[in-house]
Protein backbone atom coordinates (compact mmCIF):
# COMPACT_ATOMS: atom_id res chain seq x y z
CA UNK A 1 209.61 31.32 96.18
CA UNK A 2 210.52 34.38 93.53
CA UNK A 3 206.91 34.95 92.95
CA UNK A 4 205.64 34.82 96.45
CA UNK A 5 208.67 37.16 97.50
CA UNK A 6 207.74 39.61 94.60
CA UNK A 7 203.63 39.91 95.00
CA UNK A 8 203.70 40.86 98.07
CA UNK A 9 205.77 44.38 97.65
CA UNK A 10 204.73 45.17 94.42
CA UNK A 11 200.85 45.65 95.65
CA UNK A 12 202.45 47.00 98.85
CA UNK A 13 204.29 49.89 96.58
CA UNK A 14 201.62 49.80 94.18
CA UNK A 15 198.82 50.93 96.81
CA UNK A 16 201.34 53.41 98.21
CA UNK A 17 202.06 55.08 95.11
CA UNK A 18 198.78 55.25 94.40
CA UNK A 19 197.95 56.75 97.87
CA UNK A 20 200.27 59.28 97.06
CA UNK A 21 199.30 60.51 94.07
CA UNK A 22 195.97 60.60 94.97
CA UNK A 23 196.76 62.62 98.00
CA UNK A 24 198.88 65.48 95.71
CA UNK A 25 195.13 65.32 93.34
CA UNK A 26 193.48 66.12 97.33
CA UNK A 27 195.71 69.02 98.00
CA UNK A 28 195.50 70.32 94.31
CA UNK A 29 191.60 70.50 94.42
CA UNK A 30 190.78 70.61 98.32
CA UNK A 31 189.06 73.99 97.46
CA UNK A 32 186.57 72.55 94.70
CA UNK A 33 185.47 70.09 97.00
CA UNK A 34 185.15 71.60 100.80
CA UNK A 35 182.29 73.53 101.71
CA UNK A 36 179.54 72.22 98.76
CA UNK A 37 177.67 70.02 100.83
CA UNK A 38 178.54 66.73 99.03
CA UNK A 39 177.69 63.55 99.58
CA UNK A 40 179.90 61.01 100.53
CA UNK A 41 179.40 58.93 97.59
CA UNK A 42 179.91 61.59 95.35
CA UNK A 43 183.62 62.33 96.93
CA UNK A 44 184.53 58.46 96.75
CA UNK A 45 183.80 58.10 93.05
CA UNK A 46 185.20 60.69 92.22
CA UNK A 47 188.37 59.75 93.86
CA UNK A 48 188.14 55.84 92.88
CA UNK A 49 188.03 57.36 89.28
CA UNK A 50 190.89 59.70 89.89
CA UNK A 51 192.65 56.85 91.62
CA UNK A 52 192.36 54.86 88.24
CA UNK A 53 193.81 57.43 86.13
CA UNK A 54 196.83 57.60 88.28
CA UNK A 55 197.71 53.98 87.38
CA UNK A 56 199.89 54.94 84.34
CA UNK A 57 202.31 56.54 86.79
CA UNK A 58 201.78 54.27 89.76
CA UNK A 59 202.29 50.69 88.07
CA UNK A 60 206.12 51.29 86.36
CA UNK A 61 207.19 53.03 89.80
CA UNK A 62 205.77 50.07 91.46
CA UNK A 63 207.46 47.31 89.59
CA UNK A 64 210.51 48.89 89.74
CA UNK A 65 210.87 49.24 93.49
CA UNK A 66 209.52 46.01 93.82
CA UNK A 67 212.00 44.62 92.18
CA UNK A 68 214.51 46.09 93.60
CA UNK A 69 213.14 45.03 96.97
CA UNK A 70 212.49 41.86 96.14
CA UNK A 71 216.32 40.89 94.73
CA UNK A 72 217.49 43.13 97.42
CA UNK A 73 216.34 41.07 100.08
CA UNK A 74 217.43 38.40 98.31
CA UNK A 75 220.89 39.55 98.14
CA UNK A 76 220.63 40.66 101.31
CA UNK A 77 219.75 37.26 103.15
CA UNK A 78 222.34 35.04 100.92
CA UNK A 79 219.28 33.50 99.26
CA UNK A 80 221.02 34.83 95.92
CA UNK A 81 224.05 33.31 96.91
CA UNK A 82 222.18 29.52 97.98
CA UNK A 83 220.90 29.59 94.59
CA UNK A 84 224.04 30.18 92.39
CA UNK A 85 225.63 27.24 94.34
CA UNK A 86 222.37 24.95 93.48
CA UNK A 87 222.99 25.30 89.82
CA UNK A 88 220.33 27.82 89.92
CA UNK A 89 221.92 31.25 87.89
CA UNK A 90 220.48 34.87 88.34
CA UNK A 91 218.74 34.54 84.86
CA UNK A 92 216.61 31.83 85.69
CA UNK A 93 215.51 32.89 88.89
CA UNK A 94 214.34 36.17 87.16
CA UNK A 95 212.15 33.83 84.48
CA UNK A 96 209.42 33.77 86.62
CA UNK A 97 209.05 37.08 87.38
CA UNK A 98 209.99 37.73 83.71
CA UNK A 99 207.02 36.13 82.47
CA UNK A 100 204.89 37.96 85.49
CA UNK A 101 205.97 41.32 83.72
CA UNK A 102 205.08 40.25 80.30
CA UNK A 103 201.47 39.35 81.48
CA UNK A 104 201.77 42.95 83.28
CA UNK A 105 202.82 44.70 80.72
CA UNK A 106 199.76 43.03 78.42
CA UNK A 107 197.14 43.95 81.05
CA UNK A 108 198.68 47.21 81.39
CA UNK A 109 198.03 48.32 77.45
CA UNK A 110 194.69 46.76 77.57
CA UNK A 111 193.97 49.01 80.64
CA UNK A 112 195.40 51.77 78.61
CA UNK A 113 193.43 51.35 75.78
CA UNK A 114 190.21 50.08 77.45
CA UNK A 115 189.66 51.12 81.23
CA UNK A 116 191.63 54.64 81.49
CA UNK A 117 189.78 56.56 78.17
CA UNK A 118 186.08 55.37 80.79
CA UNK A 119 187.90 56.53 83.73
CA UNK A 120 189.08 59.88 82.45
CA UNK A 121 185.60 60.62 81.13
CA UNK A 122 184.02 59.23 84.59
CA UNK A 123 186.89 61.73 86.04
CA UNK A 124 186.47 64.84 84.32
CA UNK A 125 183.26 65.06 83.97
CA UNK A 126 182.58 64.70 87.49
CA UNK A 127 184.97 67.02 88.55
CA UNK A 128 183.52 69.26 85.93
CA UNK A 129 180.45 69.49 88.00
CA UNK A 130 181.60 69.05 91.33
CA UNK A 131 183.44 72.25 90.32
CA UNK A 132 180.70 74.24 89.09
CA UNK A 133 178.34 73.59 92.10
CA UNK A 134 177.96 76.40 94.23
CA UNK A 135 179.31 76.62 97.87
CA UNK A 136 176.35 75.61 100.53
CA UNK A 137 174.43 77.78 102.08
CA UNK A 138 176.41 79.66 104.88
CA UNK A 139 174.32 83.08 105.77
CA UNK A 140 177.12 84.91 108.12
CA UNK A 141 175.59 87.79 110.42
CA UNK A 142 176.74 91.12 108.98
CA UNK A 143 177.60 90.13 105.56
CA UNK A 144 175.51 90.19 102.67
CA UNK A 145 174.85 87.02 101.48
CA UNK A 146 174.61 86.69 97.57
CA UNK A 147 174.68 82.92 96.96
CA UNK A 148 170.93 82.44 95.95
CA UNK A 149 170.12 83.24 92.46
CA UNK A 150 168.74 87.03 91.92
CA UNK A 151 168.90 87.45 96.08
CA UNK A 152 171.10 89.24 98.83
CA UNK A 153 170.33 88.52 102.39
CA UNK A 154 171.74 89.89 104.93
CA UNK A 155 170.98 89.05 108.80
CA UNK A 156 172.15 90.81 112.12
CA UNK A 157 172.31 87.52 114.18
CA UNK A 158 171.55 84.09 113.90
CA UNK A 159 171.11 81.15 116.08
CA UNK A 160 172.64 78.04 114.46
CA UNK A 161 171.03 75.49 116.59
CA UNK A 162 167.71 76.61 116.34
CA UNK A 163 167.99 78.28 112.70
CA UNK A 164 166.52 81.46 113.54
CA UNK A 165 167.48 84.57 112.57
CA UNK A 166 167.23 87.85 113.69
CA UNK A 167 167.76 91.74 111.76
CA UNK A 168 166.80 90.01 108.27
CA UNK A 169 166.89 91.91 105.09
CA UNK A 170 166.23 90.36 101.71
CA UNK A 171 167.08 92.26 98.14
CA UNK A 172 164.49 90.82 95.83
CA UNK A 173 166.55 91.01 91.94
CA UNK A 174 164.53 89.06 90.22
CA UNK A 175 162.88 91.69 87.63
CA UNK A 176 166.33 92.40 86.83
CA UNK A 177 165.76 96.10 87.80
CA UNK A 178 168.56 96.37 91.02
CA UNK A 179 166.89 97.30 94.62
CA UNK A 180 163.47 97.95 93.92
CA UNK A 181 161.96 95.58 96.23
CA UNK A 182 162.84 95.05 100.01
CA UNK A 183 161.78 92.74 102.57
CA UNK A 184 162.88 93.23 106.49
CA UNK A 185 161.75 91.68 109.03
CA UNK A 186 163.08 91.60 112.99
CA UNK A 187 162.91 87.76 113.19
CA UNK A 188 162.78 84.91 110.89
CA UNK A 189 163.11 81.04 110.84
CA UNK A 190 165.18 79.05 108.18
CA UNK A 191 164.53 75.55 107.37
CA UNK A 192 164.52 73.39 104.17
CA UNK A 193 162.28 71.16 102.61
CA UNK A 194 162.50 67.41 102.76
CA UNK A 195 163.44 67.02 99.44
CA UNK A 196 166.23 69.95 99.88
CA UNK A 197 164.80 71.65 96.68
CA UNK A 198 163.74 75.00 98.43
CA UNK A 199 164.95 77.21 101.03
CA UNK A 200 161.69 78.49 103.03
CA UNK A 201 162.01 81.68 104.99
CA UNK A 202 159.44 82.62 107.78
CA UNK A 203 159.62 85.83 108.49
CA UNK A 204 157.83 87.45 111.50
CA UNK A 205 156.71 91.23 112.24
CA UNK A 206 158.14 92.96 109.20
CA UNK A 207 157.69 94.66 105.72
CA UNK A 208 158.14 94.81 102.48
CA UNK A 209 158.82 97.84 100.39
CA UNK A 210 158.44 97.82 96.81
CA UNK A 211 159.59 100.94 94.47
CA UNK A 212 157.08 101.14 91.59
CA UNK A 213 158.33 102.34 88.38
CA UNK A 214 157.27 104.06 85.68
CA UNK A 215 158.61 104.43 82.40
CA UNK A 216 157.47 107.22 81.47
CA UNK A 217 158.03 109.80 84.74
CA UNK A 218 160.58 107.90 86.22
CA UNK A 219 162.95 110.96 86.85
CA UNK A 220 160.41 112.75 88.51
CA UNK A 221 157.94 110.51 90.46
CA UNK A 222 158.90 107.39 91.85
CA UNK A 223 156.32 105.58 94.04
CA UNK A 224 157.22 103.62 96.96
CA UNK A 225 154.77 100.71 98.27
CA UNK A 226 154.87 99.63 101.55
CA UNK A 227 153.28 96.66 103.02
CA UNK A 228 153.35 95.74 106.80
CA UNK A 229 153.17 92.02 108.06
CA UNK A 230 153.06 89.97 111.09
CA UNK A 231 153.78 86.78 109.19
CA UNK A 232 155.65 86.19 105.86
CA UNK A 233 156.73 83.31 104.00
CA UNK A 234 159.29 83.29 101.05
CA UNK A 235 160.82 80.10 98.98
CA UNK A 236 163.99 80.02 97.36
CA UNK A 237 164.87 77.80 94.86
CA UNK A 238 167.86 75.51 95.35
CA UNK A 239 168.40 74.46 92.14
CA UNK A 240 172.08 75.58 91.58
CA UNK A 241 173.06 73.78 94.94
CA UNK A 242 172.52 70.43 94.54
CA UNK A 243 175.08 68.42 92.08
CA UNK A 244 174.34 68.78 88.74
CA UNK A 245 175.50 66.07 86.23
CA UNK A 246 176.72 67.19 82.50
CA UNK A 247 175.61 64.85 79.96
CA UNK A 248 178.95 62.64 79.58
CA UNK A 249 178.81 62.81 76.13
CA UNK A 250 179.94 66.38 75.92
CA UNK A 251 183.21 65.32 76.75
CA UNK A 252 183.70 62.18 74.44
CA UNK A 253 185.38 64.14 71.87
CA UNK A 254 188.58 64.93 74.04
CA UNK A 255 191.54 62.84 73.08
CA UNK A 256 192.36 61.67 76.71
CA UNK A 257 188.83 59.49 76.71
CA UNK A 258 189.24 57.56 73.20
CA UNK A 259 190.87 54.40 72.77
CA UNK A 260 193.27 53.39 69.87
CA UNK A 261 190.36 52.95 66.95
CA UNK A 262 189.06 56.17 67.95
CA UNK A 263 192.51 58.01 68.24
CA UNK A 264 193.01 56.60 64.48
CA UNK A 265 189.39 57.89 63.06
CA UNK A 266 190.08 61.32 64.97
CA UNK A 267 193.71 61.79 63.59
CA UNK A 268 192.29 60.71 59.85
CA UNK A 269 189.51 63.41 60.39
CA UNK A 270 191.84 66.08 61.68
CA UNK A 271 194.55 65.56 59.28
CA UNK A 272 192.46 65.94 56.27
CA UNK A 273 190.84 69.34 57.92
CA UNK A 274 194.26 70.49 58.39
CA UNK A 275 195.11 69.91 55.00
CA UNK A 276 191.99 71.25 53.47
CA UNK A 277 192.31 74.31 55.88
CA UNK A 278 195.87 74.74 54.58
CA UNK A 279 195.17 74.82 50.86
CA UNK A 280 191.96 77.36 51.43
CA UNK A 281 194.60 79.41 53.20
CA UNK A 282 197.32 78.94 50.30
CA UNK A 283 194.48 79.94 47.84
CA UNK A 284 193.38 82.94 49.51
CA UNK A 285 196.52 84.35 49.96
CA UNK A 286 197.62 83.83 46.89
CA UNK A 287 194.06 86.13 45.85
CA UNK A 288 195.27 88.52 48.56
CA UNK A 289 198.57 89.30 46.98
CA UNK A 290 197.83 89.03 43.53
CA UNK A 291 201.60 89.48 42.43
CA UNK A 292 202.36 86.19 44.26
CA UNK A 293 200.09 84.78 40.99
CA UNK A 294 203.17 86.19 38.87
CA UNK A 295 206.33 84.45 40.42
CA UNK A 296 207.66 81.74 38.53
CA UNK A 297 209.12 78.47 39.94
CA UNK A 298 212.32 80.39 40.77
CA UNK A 299 210.56 82.70 43.66
CA UNK A 300 212.41 85.65 41.82
CA UNK A 301 209.46 88.69 41.16
CA UNK A 302 209.46 89.17 37.54
CA UNK A 303 211.11 93.05 36.84
CA UNK A 304 207.82 93.84 35.23
CA UNK A 305 206.24 94.02 38.57
CA UNK A 306 209.37 95.48 40.82
CA UNK A 307 208.85 98.83 41.92
CA UNK A 308 209.30 101.86 39.32
CA UNK A 309 211.13 105.38 40.95
CA UNK A 310 208.97 107.09 38.68
CA UNK A 311 205.36 105.30 39.36
CA UNK A 312 204.51 108.79 41.39
CA UNK A 313 204.69 111.42 38.53
CA UNK A 314 201.50 110.42 37.29
CA UNK A 315 199.83 111.35 40.36
CA UNK A 316 199.05 114.76 41.95
CA UNK A 317 200.67 115.27 45.56
CA UNK A 318 196.76 114.86 47.38
CA UNK A 319 196.30 111.40 45.28
CA UNK A 320 199.73 110.31 46.01
CA UNK A 321 199.06 110.20 49.86
CA UNK A 322 195.61 108.78 49.70
CA UNK A 323 197.57 105.73 47.39
CA UNK A 324 200.02 105.07 50.14
CA UNK A 325 197.42 105.03 52.88
CA UNK A 326 195.63 103.01 50.77
CA UNK A 327 198.13 100.84 50.58
CA UNK A 328 199.27 100.58 54.13
CA UNK A 329 195.27 99.96 55.22
CA UNK A 330 195.48 96.78 52.53
CA UNK A 331 198.66 95.89 54.23
CA UNK A 332 197.77 96.10 57.52
CA UNK A 333 195.13 93.88 56.59
CA UNK A 334 196.30 90.82 55.13
CA UNK A 335 199.01 90.89 58.01
CA UNK A 336 196.19 90.65 60.09
CA UNK A 337 194.69 87.93 57.94
CA UNK A 338 198.13 85.92 58.01
CA UNK A 339 198.62 86.15 61.30
CA UNK A 340 194.75 85.23 62.45
CA UNK A 341 195.29 82.02 59.90
CA UNK A 342 198.63 81.37 61.18
CA UNK A 343 197.45 81.13 64.84
CA UNK A 344 194.50 78.83 63.43
CA UNK A 345 196.68 76.67 61.59
CA UNK A 346 198.95 76.23 65.11
CA UNK A 347 195.93 75.23 67.18
CA UNK A 348 194.86 72.61 64.70
CA UNK A 349 198.60 71.27 64.76
CA UNK A 350 198.72 70.99 68.37
CA UNK A 351 195.11 69.36 68.59
CA UNK A 352 196.25 66.89 65.47
CA UNK A 353 199.99 66.26 68.00
CA UNK A 354 198.09 65.43 71.34
CA UNK A 355 195.74 62.88 69.84
CA UNK A 356 199.03 61.35 68.23
CA UNK A 357 200.76 61.67 71.36
CA UNK A 358 197.95 59.81 73.29
CA UNK A 359 198.19 57.14 70.86
CA UNK A 360 201.69 56.33 71.02
CA UNK A 361 201.20 56.57 75.04
CA UNK A 362 199.27 53.69 74.60
CA UNK A 363 202.23 51.55 74.41
CA UNK A 364 204.90 53.36 76.28
CA UNK A 365 203.22 52.24 79.61
CA UNK A 366 203.47 48.38 78.84
CA UNK A 367 207.40 49.44 77.57
CA UNK A 368 207.71 51.13 80.89
CA UNK A 369 206.57 48.15 83.02
CA UNK A 370 209.05 45.62 81.17
CA UNK A 371 212.12 48.33 81.49
CA UNK A 372 211.51 49.05 84.78
CA UNK A 373 211.55 45.52 85.79
CA UNK A 374 214.75 44.86 83.79
CA UNK A 375 216.08 47.96 85.42
CA UNK A 376 215.54 46.87 89.14
CA UNK A 377 215.70 43.20 89.19
CA UNK A 378 219.59 43.47 88.59
CA UNK A 379 219.79 46.56 89.99
CA UNK A 380 218.58 44.89 93.57
CA UNK A 381 220.71 42.03 92.93
CA UNK A 382 224.07 44.32 92.86
CA UNK A 383 222.95 46.39 95.86
CA UNK A 384 221.77 43.44 98.00
CA UNK A 385 219.85 45.74 100.30
CA UNK A 386 216.16 45.12 100.58
CA UNK A 387 213.16 47.42 102.63
CA UNK A 388 211.94 50.56 101.93
CA UNK A 389 215.37 52.53 103.10
CA UNK A 390 217.60 52.54 99.90
CA UNK A 391 215.20 51.19 97.29
CA UNK A 392 212.86 53.76 97.81
CA UNK A 393 215.90 56.45 97.23
CA UNK A 394 216.96 54.40 93.95
CA UNK A 395 213.84 54.00 92.38
CA UNK A 396 212.58 57.24 93.16
CA UNK A 397 215.54 58.72 90.92
CA UNK A 398 215.22 56.86 88.33
CA UNK A 399 211.46 57.18 88.23
CA UNK A 400 211.97 61.16 88.32
CA UNK A 401 214.43 61.01 85.92
CA UNK A 402 212.14 58.98 83.23
CA UNK A 403 209.19 60.93 84.16
CA UNK A 404 211.36 64.26 83.74
CA UNK A 405 212.26 63.06 80.19
CA UNK A 406 208.86 61.65 79.02
CA UNK A 407 207.01 64.68 79.77
CA UNK A 408 209.63 67.03 78.04
CA UNK A 409 209.63 64.62 75.32
CA UNK A 410 205.71 64.87 75.48
CA UNK A 411 206.13 68.74 75.52
CA UNK A 412 208.27 68.45 72.02
CA UNK A 413 205.84 66.80 70.24
CA UNK A 414 202.82 68.47 71.10
CA UNK A 415 204.41 71.99 70.55
CA UNK A 416 205.73 70.23 67.24
CA UNK A 417 209.44 71.31 67.98
CA UNK A 418 210.08 67.63 67.72
CA UNK A 419 209.17 64.59 65.75
CA UNK A 420 206.17 62.60 67.25
CA UNK A 421 207.74 59.15 67.51
CA UNK A 422 211.09 60.20 68.56
CA UNK A 423 210.10 62.68 71.26
CA UNK A 424 207.63 60.35 72.57
CA UNK A 425 209.89 56.92 72.79
CA UNK A 426 213.43 59.04 73.87
CA UNK A 427 212.77 58.01 77.43
CA UNK A 428 212.43 54.18 77.01
CA UNK A 429 214.82 54.13 74.51
CA UNK A 430 217.67 55.60 77.11
CA UNK A 431 216.26 52.92 79.52
CA UNK A 432 216.60 50.44 77.04
CA UNK A 433 220.45 50.05 77.00
CA UNK A 434 220.73 50.99 81.00
CA UNK A 435 218.51 47.69 81.50
CA UNK A 436 220.42 45.27 79.34
CA UNK A 437 223.80 46.72 81.07
CA UNK A 438 222.64 46.43 84.26
CA UNK A 439 221.33 42.81 83.71
CA UNK A 440 224.16 41.43 81.63
CA UNK A 441 226.51 42.67 85.03
CA UNK A 442 224.20 41.01 87.34
CA UNK A 443 224.24 37.82 85.84
CA UNK A 444 227.74 37.51 84.91
CA UNK A 445 228.61 38.95 88.46
CA UNK A 446 230.51 41.98 87.76
CA UNK A 447 232.41 43.56 90.17
CA UNK A 448 230.05 47.19 89.95
CA UNK A 449 230.21 48.56 93.34
CA UNK A 450 233.95 47.10 93.45
CA UNK A 451 236.08 50.17 94.35
CA UNK A 452 239.02 48.90 92.91
CA UNK A 453 237.73 48.56 89.65
CA UNK A 454 237.03 52.13 89.37
CA UNK A 455 240.52 53.00 91.19
CA UNK A 456 242.10 50.88 88.63
CA UNK A 457 240.82 52.83 85.46
CA UNK A 458 241.09 56.38 87.08
CA UNK A 459 244.97 55.29 87.65
CA UNK A 460 245.07 55.37 84.26
CA UNK A 461 244.34 58.92 84.01
CA UNK A 462 246.61 60.11 87.25
CA UNK A 463 250.00 60.88 87.05
CA UNK A 464 252.24 58.14 88.88
CA UNK A 465 253.43 59.86 91.71
CA UNK A 466 249.62 59.97 93.14
CA UNK A 467 248.70 56.69 91.76
CA UNK A 468 250.21 54.57 95.00
CA UNK A 469 248.84 57.39 97.47
CA UNK A 470 244.86 57.01 95.43
CA UNK A 471 244.90 53.13 96.38
CA UNK A 472 246.77 53.20 99.61
CA UNK A 473 243.96 55.57 100.88
CA UNK A 474 241.29 53.48 99.78
CA UNK A 475 243.16 50.04 101.01
CA UNK A 476 243.46 51.94 104.42
CA UNK A 477 239.71 52.50 104.21
CA UNK A 478 238.54 48.90 103.72
CA UNK A 479 240.99 47.64 106.35
CA UNK A 480 239.69 50.00 109.01
CA UNK A 481 236.07 49.15 107.75
């Protein structure tokens, strides 16, 4: 009975959360999708891959919300009371769902490790190709259209029903020499070839203007060739307008497209490269700053290389200036070298930290699913409210807190401001005591929402002359209700 009561809300809330996240993605990239003449199956594939990447967010939220709804409904309908009167404790009632949550967590790990990298690869590569694709051909009257490579087209008027153009001007820039070729026509007809690879312009009663280029006397003499015609056909290649797929192998080196074994290999390789680059930089700096070789183990500069006040007495005034300029130039060069290498090492550190963060995130999803169940189930039994009202508000509040803590820890871990393990696991660590405390309170039927319990506690900190008044006000409110 408990499983049947849980499966329905879980499936419903999971797909609702997935749909909300997918709509957020659509609004974010709507400008990259509209006006490019994409086939419906390309859009469907993109949305399917995008929805797969949102599972790590939708699954914990669905578990939290469905747990609150299930036990809230059971409590609101006094079914939990009937179970307890029959000798079934809340822990026994939660046991089937605990087992189910364990299986869901295990499945979430395999999804996060096996399916999510492939979904990220398909999603990122397809989104990259769609964003790179040109807009569909949309020649507007009175506007110079340059969407076709090496051509600029302008028409005075256009009949969309018959694809007839009036007052046509076609600038040919295929020679990369500017406006040297121009075709004009009083009327024209536009259509696509059956394979949609070429755009055909059939122009009527026009002229081709070609400006002849002579490299020797191009400033003085530039001949103009004019050819009049009754009918002229121009063919434009539409190679850039179709969806051109990029090789997916180019994206596989990204950390989001790797499983645990691939991340282990990448982290080991990046770590060794980082250590080698640090050693190389250390030796290079020691060579550039030769006095560092004379510094002892106490990091003290010997007296023999400290500045001497009479050093410049051996040089003439002109030589002194040249020595100072040379020293300043060397210092600027060395400073730039150190800054560039420091930035490079910082980038390498960030890349290595990103791989480590993703490695730990393969496990945080499973742990989050279990934690959210142990928070949602006892919380629903305590508040005893089902439906999509109060449970939605409570679950959204808890999930937002969890997500903010997780994102903050991830940012600190990637930037190197905090250690990887504490930063990534801080959100589950904070929620674990909350889940255990709520489970213990729900199993022991502790009066968490009983205002009199909190009144007695706060009365310890209230002066005696106000204690009775506070208790009386609360008593009057309860009796009036």
